[in-house]
Amino acid sequence: MNHSFIRIHTILASLFITVLIVAAPGAMIAAGQDFGFDFDDFNLISVEDEIEIGKELSKEVESEYQLYPDNEVQRYVRELGKRVAPSAPNADNIPLSVKVIKDDEVNAFTIPGGYIYINSGLIRRVDTEAELVGVIAHEMGHAVKRHGTEQLTQIMGVNMVMGLFLGSDAPDWQYLVGDLFSSVGLLAYGRDNELQADRLAVRITHAAGYDATQFLTFMYKLQDLEDSEPSALTELFSTHPSTSERITNIKTEISQLDTKNTRPIVNTRNFNNMKRRIR
């Protein structure tokens, strides 16, 4: 296809979106819907660019946060992630990896490109391998649905993203994205993203052969922590839907699973051995 033709259409699309942005965010969304766009899933960043973003951001995360200094713990979580990943939809497009951060807060997060981080403080709170799989599967849901770069598109503005990724200043994205994601700034996903990731967590956990009700067990623990130890929860949870709403959402998803003639995994000796190493 003629590259000049593609470039002209890119410029025209950029100008159209610029007019919408200048007019008003509401007008942008309304006009986009008139043309059949779904801005909830709007993402102008390619998978290839997202993977490159993730490589750079993972370096920033691992320089800012201390990885848990136990090779056996890291190996266990890494291998668990590898076993669960094939059950995630579109996992072939986004390489998924899991590491443990040494941090007492109950938290897990995902950055673009499929990089998943679990706090040691969260691992202390889970009692079974299936609970941990549910948490990992939730983060995999964010990764395969590419919520990070969707949010980047929305926050930076469509016109800016198109300029950075399609224009002559393409390398500048590395610096700008690094600033936007500094201190895990964009990882507080909105309500719809969280509920979608919860539904995917149930499906992925079940498809991987684990007891999805254990993810529900973990959510009840979060609910208890909100009342008894709110300081243990990272402030990122303040942007999530209410835990009661998430529990209802997860229950609905579990009720739709086909659990006949299944013997799902709840716990393993390997999990117990790993858990004893978390201090």
C-alpha atoms as a PDB file:
ATOM      1  CA  MET A   1       0.000   0.000   0.000  1.00  0.00           C
ATOM      2  CA  ASN A   2       1.193   3.529  -0.751  1.00  0.00           C
ATOM      3  CA  HIS A   3       2.886   4.931   2.392  1.00  0.00           C
ATOM      4  CA  SER A   4       1.984   8.504   1.437  1.00  0.00           C
ATOM      5  CA  PHE A   5      -1.669   7.462   1.327  1.00  0.00           C
ATOM      6  CA  ILE A   6      -1.394   5.968   4.821  1.00  0.00           C
ATOM      7  CA  ARG A   7       0.348   9.078   6.141  1.00  0.00           C
ATOM      8  CA  ILE A   8      -2.342  11.381   4.694  1.00  0.00           C
ATOM      9  CA  HIS A   9      -5.073   9.360   6.359  1.00  0.00           C
ATOM     10  CA  THR A  10      -3.144   9.417   9.623  1.00  0.00           C
ATOM     11  CA  ILE A  11      -2.893  13.224   9.450  1.00  0.00           C
ATOM     12  CA  LEU A  12      -6.579  13.569   8.621  1.00  0.00           C
ATOM     13  CA  ALA A  13      -7.545  11.290  11.490  1.00  0.00           C
ATOM     14  CA  SER A  14      -5.250  13.257  13.786  1.00  0.00           C
ATOM     15  CA  LEU A  15      -6.810  16.565  12.744  1.00  0.00           C
ATOM     16  CA  PHE A  16     -10.307  15.160  13.229  1.00  0.00           C
ATOM     17  CA  ILE A  17      -9.498  13.967  16.724  1.00  0.00           C
ATOM     18  CA  THR A  18      -7.752  17.264  17.561  1.00  0.00           C
ATOM     19  CA  VAL A  19     -10.951  19.151  16.738  1.00  0.00           C
ATOM     20  CA  LEU A  20     -12.894  16.835  19.010  1.00  0.00           C
ATOM     21  CA  ILE A  21     -10.412  17.248  21.859  1.00  0.00           C
ATOM     22  CA  VAL A  22     -10.414  21.031  21.584  1.00  0.00           C
ATOM     23  CA  ALA A  23     -14.201  21.116  21.402  1.00  0.00           C
ATOM     24  CA  ALA A  24     -14.632  19.144  24.629  1.00  0.00           C
ATOM     25  CA  PRO A  25     -13.925  15.657  25.997  1.00  0.00           C
ATOM     26  CA  GLY A  26     -17.654  14.934  26.043  1.00  0.00           C
ATOM     27  CA  ALA A  27     -17.977  15.927  22.421  1.00  0.00           C
ATOM     28  CA  MET A  28     -15.047  13.694  21.562  1.00  0.00           C
ATOM     29  CA  ILE A  29     -16.685  10.669  23.126  1.00  0.00           C
ATOM     30  CA  ALA A  30     -20.090  11.456  21.634  1.00  0.00           C
ATOM     31  CA  ALA A  31     -18.681  11.970  18.176  1.00  0.00           C
ATOM     32  CA  GLY A  32     -16.570   8.843  18.456  1.00  0.00           C
ATOM     33  CA  GLN A  33     -19.623   6.818  19.369  1.00  0.00           C
ATOM     34  CA  ASP A  34     -21.477   8.256  16.374  1.00  0.00           C
ATOM     35  CA  PHE A  35     -18.719   6.854  14.170  1.00  0.00           C
ATOM     36  CA  GLY A  36     -18.833   3.464  15.898  1.00  0.00           C
ATOM     37  CA  PHE A  37     -15.799   3.869  18.170  1.00  0.00           C
ATOM     38  CA  ASP A  38     -15.754   2.277  21.629  1.00  0.00           C
ATOM     39  CA  PHE A  39     -13.595   4.616  23.690  1.00  0.00           C
ATOM     40  CA  ASP A  40     -13.544   2.170  26.603  1.00  0.00           C
ATOM     41  CA  ASP A  41     -11.328  -0.097  24.494  1.00  0.00           C
ATOM     42  CA  PHE A  42      -9.671   2.625  22.415  1.00  0.00           C
ATOM     43  CA  ASN A  43      -5.964   1.971  22.018  1.00  0.00           C
ATOM     44  CA  LEU A  44      -3.696   3.513  19.396  1.00  0.00           C
ATOM     45  CA  ILE A  45      -0.532   1.854  20.696  1.00  0.00           C
ATOM     46  CA  SER A  46       0.493  -1.288  18.859  1.00  0.00           C
ATOM     47  CA  VAL A  47       1.331  -4.512  20.677  1.00  0.00           C
ATOM     48  CA  GLU A  48       4.924  -4.179  19.462  1.00  0.00           C
ATOM     49  CA  ASP A  49       5.238  -0.661  20.904  1.00  0.00           C
ATOM     50  CA  GLU A  50       3.586  -1.767  24.134  1.00  0.00           C
ATOM     51  CA  ILE A  51       6.174  -4.514  24.566  1.00  0.00           C
ATOM     52  CA  GLU A  52       8.945  -1.947  24.065  1.00  0.00           C
ATOM     53  CA  ILE A  53       7.288   0.366  26.596  1.00  0.00           C
ATOM     54  CA  GLY A  54       7.128  -2.533  29.043  1.00  0.00           C
ATOM     55  CA  LYS A  55      10.812  -3.336  28.688  1.00  0.00           C
ATOM     56  CA  GLU A  56      11.746   0.231  29.597  1.00  0.00           C
ATOM     57  CA  LEU A  57       9.206   0.536  32.398  1.00  0.00           C
ATOM     58  CA  SER A  58      10.225  -2.775  33.959  1.00  0.00           C
ATOM     59  CA  LYS A  59      13.747  -1.370  34.347  1.00  0.00           C
ATOM     60  CA  GLU A  60      12.293   1.672  36.107  1.00  0.00           C
ATOM     61  CA  VAL A  61      10.112  -0.443  38.394  1.00  0.00           C
ATOM     62  CA  GLU A  62      12.965  -2.756  39.329  1.00  0.00           C
ATOM     63  CA  SER A  63      15.247   0.159  40.091  1.00  0.00           C
ATOM     64  CA  GLU A  64      12.604   1.854  42.253  1.00  0.00           C
ATOM     65  CA  TYR A  65      11.324  -1.246  44.043  1.00  0.00           C
ATOM     66  CA  GLN A  66      13.385  -4.034  45.603  1.00  0.00           C
ATOM     67  CA  LEU A  67      12.718  -7.481  44.189  1.00  0.00           C
ATOM     68  CA  TYR A  68      12.250 -10.086  46.906  1.00  0.00           C
ATOM     69  CA  PRO A  69      15.790 -11.353  47.649  1.00  0.00           C
ATOM     70  CA  ASP A  70      15.060 -15.083  47.546  1.00  0.00           C
ATOM     71  CA  ASN A  71      15.702 -16.979  44.322  1.00  0.00           C
ATOM     72  CA  GLU A  72      13.424 -19.846  45.354  1.00  0.00           C
ATOM     73  CA  VAL A  73      10.479 -17.512  45.911  1.00  0.00           C
ATOM     74  CA  GLN A  74      11.084 -15.820  42.558  1.00  0.00           C
ATOM     75  CA  ARG A  75      11.462 -19.166  40.806  1.00  0.00           C
ATOM     76  CA  TYR A  76       8.227 -20.510  42.284  1.00  0.00           C
ATOM     77  CA  VAL A  77       6.186 -17.444  41.294  1.00  0.00           C
ATOM     78  CA  ARG A  78       7.803 -17.273  37.856  1.00  0.00           C
ATOM     79  CA  GLU A  79       6.987 -20.932  37.138  1.00  0.00           C
ATOM     80  CA  LEU A  80       3.466 -20.572  38.504  1.00  0.00           C
ATOM     81  CA  GLY A  81       2.909 -17.677  36.140  1.00  0.00           C
ATOM     82  CA  LYS A  82       4.172 -19.768  33.219  1.00  0.00           C
ATOM     83  CA  ARG A  83       1.708 -22.536  34.067  1.00  0.00           C
ATOM     84  CA  VAL A  84      -1.255 -20.165  34.297  1.00  0.00           C
ATOM     85  CA  ALA A  85      -0.428 -17.917  31.314  1.00  0.00           C
ATOM     86  CA  PRO A  86      -1.619 -20.287  28.543  1.00  0.00           C
ATOM     87  CA  SER A  87      -5.131 -20.098  30.041  1.00  0.00           C
ATOM     88  CA  ALA A  88      -5.283 -16.314  29.511  1.00  0.00           C
ATOM     89  CA  PRO A  89      -6.967 -15.134  26.294  1.00  0.00           C
ATOM     90  CA  ASN A  90      -4.586 -13.628  23.715  1.00  0.00           C
ATOM     91  CA  ALA A  91      -1.599 -14.585  25.864  1.00  0.00           C
ATOM     92  CA  ASP A  92       0.347 -15.348  22.687  1.00  0.00           C
ATOM     93  CA  ASN A  93       0.321 -11.632  21.838  1.00  0.00           C
ATOM     94  CA  ILE A  94       1.607 -10.318  25.168  1.00  0.00           C
ATOM     95  CA  PRO A  95       4.448 -12.167  26.928  1.00  0.00           C
ATOM     96  CA  LEU A  96       3.484 -12.568  30.585  1.00  0.00           C
ATOM     97  CA  SER A  97       5.973 -12.640  33.444  1.00  0.00           C
ATOM     98  CA  VAL A  98       5.568 -12.529  37.230  1.00  0.00           C
ATOM     99  CA  LYS A  99       7.998 -11.287  39.888  1.00  0.00           C
ATOM    100  CA  VAL A 100       7.791 -10.624  43.633  1.00  0.00           C
ATOM    101  CA  ILE A 101       8.542  -7.213  45.148  1.00  0.00           C
ATOM    102  CA  LYS A 102       9.688  -6.877  48.746  1.00  0.00           C
ATOM    103  CA  ASP A 103       6.949  -4.651  50.143  1.00  0.00           C
ATOM    104  CA  ASP A 104       4.599  -5.138  53.086  1.00  0.00           C
ATOM    105  CA  GLU A 105       1.581  -3.533  51.426  1.00  0.00           C
ATOM    106  CA  VAL A 106      -1.115  -5.854  50.101  1.00  0.00           C
ATOM    107  CA  ASN A 107      -0.840  -5.112  46.415  1.00  0.00           C
ATOM    108  CA  ALA A 108      -0.122  -6.435  42.950  1.00  0.00           C
ATOM    109  CA  PHE A 109       0.179  -4.461  39.721  1.00  0.00           C
ATOM    110  CA  THR A 110       0.786  -4.793  36.021  1.00  0.00           C
ATOM    111  CA  ILE A 111       2.644  -2.528  33.629  1.00  0.00           C
ATOM    112  CA  PRO A 112       2.307  -2.577  29.836  1.00  0.00           C
ATOM    113  CA  GLY A 113       3.924  -5.470  28.044  1.00  0.00           C
ATOM    114  CA  GLY A 114       2.736  -8.146  30.483  1.00  0.00           C
ATOM    115  CA  TYR A 115       5.060  -7.425  33.424  1.00  0.00           C
ATOM    116  CA  ILE A 116       3.289  -8.459  36.639  1.00  0.00           C
ATOM    117  CA  TYR A 117       4.549  -7.674  40.146  1.00  0.00           C
ATOM    118  CA  ILE A 118       3.213  -9.195  43.377  1.00  0.00           C
ATOM    119  CA  ASN A 119       4.091  -7.677  46.757  1.00  0.00           C
ATOM    120  CA  SER A 120       5.448  -9.995  49.418  1.00  0.00           C
ATOM    121  CA  GLY A 121       2.862  -8.431  51.737  1.00  0.00           C
ATOM    122  CA  LEU A 122       0.109  -9.846  49.562  1.00  0.00           C
ATOM    123  CA  ILE A 123       1.665 -13.301  49.484  1.00  0.00           C
ATOM    124  CA  ARG A 124       1.655 -13.330  53.285  1.00  0.00           C
ATOM    125  CA  ARG A 125      -2.131 -12.888  53.177  1.00  0.00           C
ATOM    126  CA  VAL A 126      -2.942 -15.759  50.814  1.00  0.00           C
ATOM    127  CA  ASP A 127      -3.312 -19.245  52.275  1.00  0.00           C
ATOM    128  CA  THR A 128      -3.534 -21.412  49.162  1.00  0.00           C
ATOM    129  CA  GLU A 129      -1.949 -21.616  45.744  1.00  0.00           C
ATOM    130  CA  ALA A 130      -5.379 -21.124  44.159  1.00  0.00           C
ATOM    131  CA  GLU A 131      -5.772 -17.788  45.962  1.00  0.00           C
ATOM    132  CA  LEU A 132      -2.433 -16.639  44.592  1.00  0.00           C
ATOM    133  CA  VAL A 133      -3.353 -17.881  41.114  1.00  0.00           C
ATOM    134  CA  GLY A 134      -6.533 -15.795  41.303  1.00  0.00           C
ATOM    135  CA  VAL A 135      -4.496 -12.664  42.029  1.00  0.00           C
ATOM    136  CA  ILE A 136      -2.021 -13.430  39.238  1.00  0.00           C
ATOM    137  CA  ALA A 137      -4.900 -14.174  36.857  1.00  0.00           C
ATOM    138  CA  HIS A 138      -6.475 -10.803  37.697  1.00  0.00           C
ATOM    139  CA  GLU A 139      -3.253  -9.054  36.721  1.00  0.00           C
ATOM    140  CA  MET A 140      -3.020 -11.190  33.576  1.00  0.00           C
ATOM    141  CA  GLY A 141      -6.496  -9.935  32.730  1.00  0.00           C
ATOM    142  CA  HIS A 142      -5.211  -6.354  32.809  1.00  0.00           C
ATOM    143  CA  ALA A 143      -2.235  -7.374  30.677  1.00  0.00           C
ATOM    144  CA  VAL A 144      -4.028  -9.261  27.915  1.00  0.00           C
ATOM    145  CA  LYS A 145      -6.761  -6.621  27.697  1.00  0.00           C
ATOM    146  CA  ARG A 146      -3.991  -4.006  27.453  1.00  0.00           C
ATOM    147  CA  HIS A 147      -5.591  -1.733  30.019  1.00  0.00           C
ATOM    148  CA  GLY A 148      -2.318   0.137  30.632  1.00  0.00           C
ATOM    149  CA  THR A 149      -1.907   1.406  27.082  1.00  0.00           C
ATOM    150  CA  GLU A 150      -5.650   2.020  26.755  1.00  0.00           C
ATOM    151  CA  GLN A 151      -5.336   4.340  29.712  1.00  0.00           C
ATOM    152  CA  LEU A 152      -2.195   5.891  28.263  1.00  0.00           C
ATOM    153  CA  THR A 153      -4.113   6.678  25.064  1.00  0.00           C
ATOM    154  CA  GLN A 154      -6.922   8.322  27.026  1.00  0.00           C
ATOM    155  CA  ILE A 155      -4.742  10.322  29.426  1.00  0.00           C
ATOM    156  CA  MET A 156      -2.180  11.561  26.925  1.00  0.00           C
ATOM    157  CA  GLY A 157      -4.857  12.353  24.373  1.00  0.00           C
ATOM    158  CA  VAL A 158      -5.337  10.585  21.092  1.00  0.00           C
ATOM    159  CA  ASN A 159      -3.637  13.290  19.052  1.00  0.00           C
ATOM    160  CA  MET A 160      -0.464  13.221  21.150  1.00  0.00           C
ATOM    161  CA  VAL A 161      -0.270   9.433  21.041  1.00  0.00           C
ATOM    162  CA  MET A 162      -0.640   9.427  17.261  1.00  0.00           C
ATOM    163  CA  GLY A 163       2.073  12.051  16.947  1.00  0.00           C
ATOM    164  CA  LEU A 164       4.476  10.158  19.166  1.00  0.00           C
ATOM    165  CA  PHE A 165       3.957   6.728  17.689  1.00  0.00           C
ATOM    166  CA  LEU A 166       3.302   7.594  14.060  1.00  0.00           C
ATOM    167  CA  GLY A 167       5.195  10.848  13.619  1.00  0.00           C
ATOM    168  CA  SER A 168       8.828  11.733  13.185  1.00  0.00           C
ATOM    169  CA  ASP A 169       9.446  12.051  16.917  1.00  0.00           C
ATOM    170  CA  ALA A 170       8.578   8.445  17.683  1.00  0.00           C
ATOM    171  CA  PRO A 171      11.563   7.818  20.047  1.00  0.00           C
ATOM    172  CA  ASP A 172      10.240  10.518  22.389  1.00  0.00           C
ATOM    173  CA  TRP A 173       7.594   8.109  23.689  1.00  0.00           C
ATOM    174  CA  GLN A 174      10.207   6.373  25.840  1.00  0.00           C
ATOM    175  CA  TYR A 175      10.755   9.492  27.916  1.00  0.00           C
ATOM    176  CA  LEU A 176       7.160  10.700  28.057  1.00  0.00           C
ATOM    177  CA  VAL A 177       5.723   7.324  28.960  1.00  0.00           C
ATOM    178  CA  GLY A 178       8.364   6.888  31.632  1.00  0.00           C
ATOM    179  CA  ASP A 179       7.250  10.145  33.236  1.00  0.00           C
ATOM    180  CA  LEU A 180       3.574   9.223  33.045  1.00  0.00           C
ATOM    181  CA  PHE A 181       4.114   5.834  34.653  1.00  0.00           C
ATOM    182  CA  SER A 182       6.578   7.056  37.282  1.00  0.00           C
ATOM    183  CA  SER A 183       5.744   5.884  40.801  1.00  0.00           C
ATOM    184  CA  VAL A 184       3.223   3.510  39.206  1.00  0.00           C
ATOM    185  CA  GLY A 185       1.127   6.568  38.458  1.00  0.00           C
ATOM    186  CA  LEU A 186      -1.164   5.085  35.822  1.00  0.00           C
ATOM    187  CA  LEU A 187      -1.703   1.708  37.435  1.00  0.00           C
ATOM    188  CA  ALA A 188      -4.857   2.679  39.296  1.00  0.00           C
ATOM    189  CA  TYR A 189      -7.263   1.321  36.716  1.00  0.00           C
ATOM    190  CA  GLY A 190     -10.856   2.462  36.586  1.00  0.00           C
ATOM    191  CA  ARG A 191     -13.963   0.615  37.663  1.00  0.00           C
ATOM    192  CA  ASP A 192     -14.752  -1.087  34.354  1.00  0.00           C
ATOM    193  CA  ASN A 193     -11.177  -2.307  33.887  1.00  0.00           C
ATOM    194  CA  GLU A 194     -11.089  -3.781  37.390  1.00  0.00           C
ATOM    195  CA  LEU A 195     -14.405  -5.558  37.033  1.00  0.00           C
ATOM    196  CA  GLN A 196     -13.343  -6.952  33.669  1.00  0.00           C
ATOM    197  CA  ALA A 197     -10.039  -8.162  35.144  1.00  0.00           C
ATOM    198  CA  ASP A 198     -11.955  -9.838  37.994  1.00  0.00           C
ATOM    199  CA  ARG A 199     -14.163 -11.702  35.534  1.00  0.00           C
ATOM    200  CA  LEU A 200     -11.124 -12.786  33.576  1.00  0.00           C
ATOM    201  CA  ALA A 201      -9.418 -13.871  36.793  1.00  0.00           C
ATOM    202  CA  VAL A 202     -12.263 -16.296  37.465  1.00  0.00           C
ATOM    203  CA  ARG A 203     -12.123 -17.718  33.935  1.00  0.00           C
ATOM    204  CA  ILE A 204      -8.335 -17.965  33.793  1.00  0.00           C
ATOM    205  CA  THR A 205      -8.092 -19.558  37.248  1.00  0.00           C
ATOM    206  CA  HIS A 206     -10.731 -22.136  36.324  1.00  0.00           C
ATOM    207  CA  ALA A 207      -9.200 -22.836  32.901  1.00  0.00           C
ATOM    208  CA  ALA A 208      -5.801 -23.388  34.538  1.00  0.00           C
ATOM    209  CA  GLY A 209      -7.332 -26.121  36.702  1.00  0.00           C
ATOM    210  CA  TYR A 210      -7.594 -24.193  39.972  1.00  0.00           C
ATOM    211  CA  ASP A 211     -10.515 -23.568  42.302  1.00  0.00           C
ATOM    212  CA  ALA A 212     -11.863 -20.149  41.287  1.00  0.00           C
ATOM    213  CA  THR A 213     -13.781 -19.795  44.549  1.00  0.00           C
ATOM    214  CA  GLN A 214     -10.418 -19.241  46.219  1.00  0.00           C
ATOM    215  CA  PHE A 215     -10.170 -15.896  44.437  1.00  0.00           C
ATOM    216  CA  LEU A 216     -13.456 -15.019  46.091  1.00  0.00           C
ATOM    217  CA  THR A 217     -11.913 -16.053  49.420  1.00  0.00           C
ATOM    218  CA  PHE A 218      -9.108 -13.579  48.823  1.00  0.00           C
ATOM    219  CA  MET A 219     -11.597 -10.803  48.082  1.00  0.00           C
ATOM    220  CA  TYR A 220     -13.319 -11.445  51.411  1.00  0.00           C
ATOM    221  CA  LYS A 221      -9.916 -11.042  53.053  1.00  0.00           C
ATOM    222  CA  LEU A 222      -9.509  -7.679  51.338  1.00  0.00           C
ATOM    223  CA  GLN A 223     -12.910  -6.673  52.608  1.00  0.00           C
ATOM    224  CA  ASP A 224     -11.904  -7.578  56.167  1.00  0.00           C
ATOM    225  CA  LEU A 225      -8.620  -5.680  55.809  1.00  0.00           C
ATOM    226  CA  GLU A 226     -10.465  -2.542  54.749  1.00  0.00           C
ATOM    227  CA  ASP A 227     -12.089  -2.537  58.188  1.00  0.00           C
ATOM    228  CA  SER A 228      -9.362  -3.967  60.412  1.00  0.00           C
ATOM    229  CA  GLU A 229      -6.068  -2.852  58.783  1.00  0.00           C
ATOM    230  CA  PRO A 230      -6.706  -0.192  56.144  1.00  0.00           C
ATOM    231  CA  SER A 231      -3.064   0.890  56.309  1.00  0.00           C
ATOM    232  CA  ALA A 232      -2.054  -2.529  54.935  1.00  0.00           C
ATOM    233  CA  LEU A 233      -3.774  -1.767  51.649  1.00  0.00           C
ATOM    234  CA  THR A 234      -2.038   0.368  49.067  1.00  0.00           C
ATOM    235  CA  GLU A 235      -3.783   3.611  48.117  1.00  0.00           C
ATOM    236  CA  LEU A 236      -4.283   2.157  44.637  1.00  0.00           C
ATOM    237  CA  PHE A 237      -7.236   0.225  46.040  1.00  0.00           C
ATOM    238  CA  SER A 238      -8.994   3.523  46.672  1.00  0.00           C
ATOM    239  CA  THR A 239      -9.591   3.826  42.918  1.00  0.00           C
ATOM    240  CA  HIS A 240     -10.985   0.317  42.559  1.00  0.00           C
ATOM    241  CA  PRO A 241     -14.686  -0.458  42.631  1.00  0.00           C
ATOM    242  CA  SER A 242     -15.984  -1.187  46.120  1.00  0.00           C
ATOM    243  CA  THR A 243     -14.944  -4.612  47.331  1.00  0.00           C
ATOM    244  CA  SER A 244     -18.588  -5.578  47.823  1.00  0.00           C
ATOM    245  CA  GLU A 245     -19.274  -4.757  44.159  1.00  0.00           C
ATOM    246  CA  ARG A 246     -16.270  -6.813  43.100  1.00  0.00           C
ATOM    247  CA  ILE A 247     -17.417  -9.751  45.233  1.00  0.00           C
ATOM    248  CA  THR A 248     -20.866  -9.677  43.620  1.00  0.00           C
ATOM    249  CA  ASN A 249     -19.263  -9.503  40.181  1.00  0.00           C
ATOM    250  CA  ILE A 250     -16.982 -12.472  40.948  1.00  0.00           C
ATOM    251  CA  LYS A 251     -19.831 -14.551  42.372  1.00  0.00           C
ATOM    252  CA  THR A 252     -21.819 -14.013  39.189  1.00  0.00           C
ATOM    253  CA  GLU A 253     -18.879 -15.129  37.063  1.00  0.00           C
ATOM    254  CA  ILE A 254     -18.253 -18.217  39.211  1.00  0.00           C
ATOM    255  CA  SER A 255     -21.911 -19.217  38.927  1.00  0.00           C
ATOM    256  CA  GLN A 256     -21.478 -19.460  35.161  1.00  0.00           C
ATOM    257  CA  LEU A 257     -18.558 -21.909  35.294  1.00  0.00           C
ATOM    258  CA  ASP A 258     -18.983 -25.520  34.309  1.00  0.00           C
ATOM    259  CA  THR A 259     -17.584 -27.323  37.351  1.00  0.00           C
ATOM    260  CA  LYS A 260     -19.079 -30.764  36.700  1.00  0.00           C
ATOM    261  CA  ASN A 261     -16.616 -33.660  36.897  1.00  0.00           C
ATOM    262  CA  THR A 262     -13.758 -31.389  37.896  1.00  0.00           C
ATOM    263  CA  ARG A 263     -11.337 -31.640  40.802  1.00  0.00           C
ATOM    264  CA  PRO A 264      -9.729 -28.218  40.855  1.00  0.00           C
ATOM    265  CA  ILE A 265      -6.432 -27.573  42.597  1.00  0.00           C
ATOM    266  CA  VAL A 266      -6.689 -25.678  45.873  1.00  0.00           C
ATOM    267  CA  ASN A 267      -3.213 -25.971  47.327  1.00  0.00           C
ATOM    268  CA  THR A 268       0.165 -27.603  46.784  1.00  0.00           C
ATOM    269  CA  ARG A 269       3.214 -28.511  48.801  1.00  0.00           C
ATOM    270  CA  ASN A 270       5.302 -26.198  46.650  1.00  0.00           C
ATOM    271  CA  PHE A 271       3.126 -23.249  47.677  1.00  0.00           C
ATOM    272  CA  ASN A 272       3.486 -24.106  51.361  1.00  0.00           C
ATOM    273  CA  ASN A 273       7.260 -24.402  51.000  1.00  0.00           C
ATOM    274  CA  MET A 274       7.427 -21.015  49.250  1.00  0.00           C
ATOM    275  CA  LYS A 275       5.160 -19.361  51.800  1.00  0.00           C
ATOM    276  CA  ARG A 276       7.471 -20.386  54.642  1.00  0.00           C
ATOM    277  CA  ARG A 277      10.275 -18.447  52.937  1.00  0.00           C
ATOM    278  CA  ILE A 278       8.319 -15.157  52.960  1.00  0.00           C
ATOM    279  CA  ARG A 279       9.380 -13.141  55.992  1.00  0.00           C
END
